[in-house]
Amino acid sequence: APMPIVVPITFFPHGEGLDAPSYATEGSAGCDLRAAIEAELTITPGGRALVPTGIAVAIPAGYEGQVRMRSGLAHDKGLALLNAPGTVDSDYRGEIRVIVANLGAEPVTIHRGDRIAQLVLAPVVQARFEPVSELPPSDRSTGGFGSTGRS
């Protein structure tokens, strides 16, 4: 099993009574984030909503939180995150909120406590950029946007 890191968490008043983020299985990479809404929230086809989770966390330095869609909601309901994965920086202390879009053909209703996204904690590497007069060559060179062919 991976070594857990300690992540302090606080609940906002509208998140009181909801379960803390948790892992569904021993091998889960992401922990579930829940909707901290007071009333049902319906997202129409083509619509989007900023869904609060009712929590703030203190992710340790050297890590980030990646907010990702739950695969079941994506497949079954057509929900997606518009900035997926969203990043929660280690120095951010505000509420985690999730931008949910309905790409499906039917309205989707979210209820208080629904698992709406998952949070994956991952190590971060920061770069030090060094100006150079010329980049080292590569086989690919400047090819992009489909330059490697189709499978």
Protein backbone atom coordinates (compact mmCIF):
# COMPACT_ATOMS: atom_id res chain seq x y z
CA ALA A 1 0.00 0.00 0.00
CA PRO A 2 1.26 3.54 -0.74
CA MET A 3 2.53 5.69 2.12
CA PRO A 4 -0.24 8.11 3.06
CA ILE A 5 0.48 11.80 3.51
CA VAL A 6 -1.30 13.88 6.12
CA VAL A 7 -3.65 16.49 4.66
CA PRO A 8 -5.31 18.81 7.21
CA ILE A 9 -8.96 19.55 6.35
CA THR A 10 -11.54 22.06 7.54
CA PHE A 11 -15.26 22.12 6.85
CA PHE A 12 -17.21 25.24 5.96
CA PRO A 13 -20.64 25.60 7.60
CA HIS A 14 -22.38 24.39 4.42
CA GLY A 15 -20.14 21.27 4.44
CA GLU A 16 -20.91 20.29 8.04
CA GLY A 17 -22.34 16.79 8.34
CA LEU A 18 -20.92 15.56 5.03
CA ASP A 19 -18.36 12.78 4.90
CA ALA A 20 -14.72 13.79 4.56
CA PRO A 21 -13.05 12.82 1.28
CA SER A 22 -12.52 9.06 1.28
CA TYR A 23 -11.21 6.30 -0.96
CA ALA A 24 -13.79 3.78 -2.22
CA THR A 25 -11.29 0.91 -2.31
CA GLU A 26 -7.80 0.16 -1.04
CA GLY A 27 -6.41 0.64 -4.54
CA SER A 28 -8.28 3.86 -5.38
CA ALA A 29 -6.06 6.71 -6.60
CA GLY A 30 -8.72 9.36 -6.05
CA CYS A 31 -10.79 10.19 -2.99
CA ASP A 32 -14.39 11.22 -3.48
CA LEU A 33 -15.47 14.86 -3.15
CA ARG A 34 -19.11 15.52 -2.21
CA ALA A 35 -21.57 18.23 -3.19
CA ALA A 36 -22.07 20.66 -0.30
CA ILE A 37 -25.30 22.15 -1.61
CA GLU A 38 -28.37 22.98 0.42
CA ALA A 39 -30.95 22.30 -2.31
CA GLU A 40 -31.02 20.10 -5.39
CA LEU A 41 -29.05 21.48 -8.31
CA THR A 42 -30.17 20.65 -11.85
CA ILE A 43 -27.73 21.16 -14.70
CA THR A 44 -29.43 21.36 -18.07
CA PRO A 45 -27.86 19.91 -21.23
CA GLY A 46 -25.08 22.26 -22.30
CA GLY A 47 -25.17 23.96 -18.89
CA ARG A 48 -22.58 24.16 -16.17
CA ALA A 49 -22.43 24.85 -12.45
CA LEU A 50 -19.81 25.68 -9.85
CA VAL A 51 -20.43 23.06 -7.16
CA PRO A 52 -19.03 23.66 -3.67
CA THR A 53 -17.53 20.78 -1.69
CA GLY A 54 -17.67 22.51 1.70
CA ILE A 55 -14.01 21.77 2.45
CA ALA A 56 -10.60 23.40 2.38
CA VAL A 57 -7.37 21.44 2.64
CA ALA A 58 -3.69 22.11 3.31
CA ILE A 59 -1.88 19.94 0.78
CA PRO A 60 1.76 19.47 1.79
CA ALA A 61 4.47 21.33 -0.14
CA GLY A 62 5.71 19.24 -3.04
CA TYR A 63 2.22 17.91 -3.84
CA GLU A 64 -0.86 19.08 -5.71
CA GLY A 65 -4.48 17.99 -5.72
CA GLN A 66 -5.89 17.05 -9.12
CA VAL A 67 -9.68 17.36 -9.29
CA ARG A 68 -11.08 14.85 -11.78
CA MET A 69 -14.49 13.67 -12.92
CA ARG A 70 -15.83 10.39 -11.61
CA SER A 71 -15.97 7.97 -14.52
CA GLY A 72 -19.47 6.73 -13.72
CA LEU A 73 -20.93 10.25 -13.85
CA ALA A 74 -19.11 10.92 -17.11
CA HIS A 75 -20.34 7.71 -18.74
CA ASP A 76 -23.82 7.43 -17.26
CA LYS A 77 -24.84 11.11 -17.04
CA GLY A 78 -22.56 12.94 -19.50
CA LEU A 79 -21.01 15.11 -16.80
CA ALA A 80 -17.53 16.55 -17.29
CA LEU A 81 -15.20 18.97 -15.55
CA LEU A 82 -14.43 21.97 -17.71
CA ASN A 83 -10.90 22.44 -16.41
CA ALA A 84 -10.05 18.78 -15.87
CA PRO A 85 -7.98 18.10 -14.12
CA GLY A 86 -8.37 21.14 -11.95
CA THR A 87 -5.36 21.88 -9.78
CA VAL A 88 -5.42 22.55 -6.04
CA ASP A 89 -2.05 24.10 -5.21
CA SER A 90 -0.29 23.35 -1.93
CA ASP A 91 -0.57 26.99 -0.83
CA TYR A 92 -4.31 27.35 -1.63
CA ARG A 93 -6.52 27.46 1.46
CA GLY A 94 -9.90 28.30 -0.03
CA GLU A 95 -12.86 26.04 -0.64
CA ILE A 96 -12.49 23.35 -3.27
CA ARG A 97 -15.20 23.95 -5.84
CA VAL A 98 -15.86 21.89 -8.96
CA ILE A 99 -16.90 23.24 -12.38
CA VAL A 100 -19.34 20.59 -13.63
CA ALA A 101 -20.70 20.67 -17.18
CA ASN A 102 -23.55 18.59 -18.58
CA LEU A 103 -22.49 17.30 -22.00
CA GLY A 104 -25.38 14.82 -22.07
CA ALA A 105 -28.81 15.08 -23.65
CA GLU A 106 -30.83 15.06 -20.39
CA PRO A 107 -30.86 17.34 -17.34
CA VAL A 108 -28.85 15.99 -14.40
CA THR A 109 -29.81 16.69 -10.79
CA ILE A 110 -27.16 16.77 -8.08
CA HIS A 111 -28.19 16.25 -4.46
CA ARG A 112 -26.48 17.21 -1.22
CA GLY A 113 -23.76 14.70 -0.41
CA ASP A 114 -23.51 13.24 -3.94
CA ARG A 115 -20.02 12.20 -4.93
CA ILE A 116 -19.35 14.69 -7.74
CA ALA A 117 -15.61 14.43 -8.38
CA GLN A 118 -12.43 12.88 -7.09
CA LEU A 119 -9.23 14.35 -5.73
CA VAL A 120 -5.91 12.73 -6.65
CA LEU A 121 -2.84 13.84 -4.71
CA ALA A 122 0.33 13.81 -6.79
CA PRO A 123 3.95 14.94 -6.45
CA VAL A 124 4.93 18.16 -8.19
CA VAL A 125 8.20 19.09 -9.85
CA GLN A 126 8.96 22.76 -10.48
CA ALA A 127 11.20 23.73 -13.37
CA ARG A 128 13.94 26.33 -13.56
CA PHE A 129 13.84 27.78 -17.06
CA GLU A 130 17.18 28.66 -18.64
CA PRO A 131 17.27 30.85 -21.76
CA VAL A 132 19.43 29.36 -24.55
CA SER A 133 20.15 30.53 -28.08
CA GLU A 134 19.07 27.19 -29.57
CA LEU A 135 17.21 24.15 -28.27
CA PRO A 136 18.81 20.72 -28.56
CA PRO A 137 17.58 18.84 -31.65
CA SER A 138 15.03 16.01 -31.57
CA ASP A 139 13.65 13.58 -34.14
CA ARG A 140 10.22 15.22 -33.88
CA SER A 141 11.53 18.79 -34.16
CA THR A 142 8.61 21.27 -34.42
CA GLY A 143 5.95 18.79 -35.55
CA GLY A 144 2.71 18.96 -33.58
CA PHE A 145 -1.08 18.61 -33.85
CA GLY A 146 -1.21 15.24 -35.58
CA SER A 147 2.35 15.22 -36.91
CA THR A 148 3.04 11.78 -35.48
CA GLY A 149 0.36 10.17 -37.66
CA ARG A 150 -2.84 8.29 -36.97
CA SER A 151 -3.18 4.85 -35.47
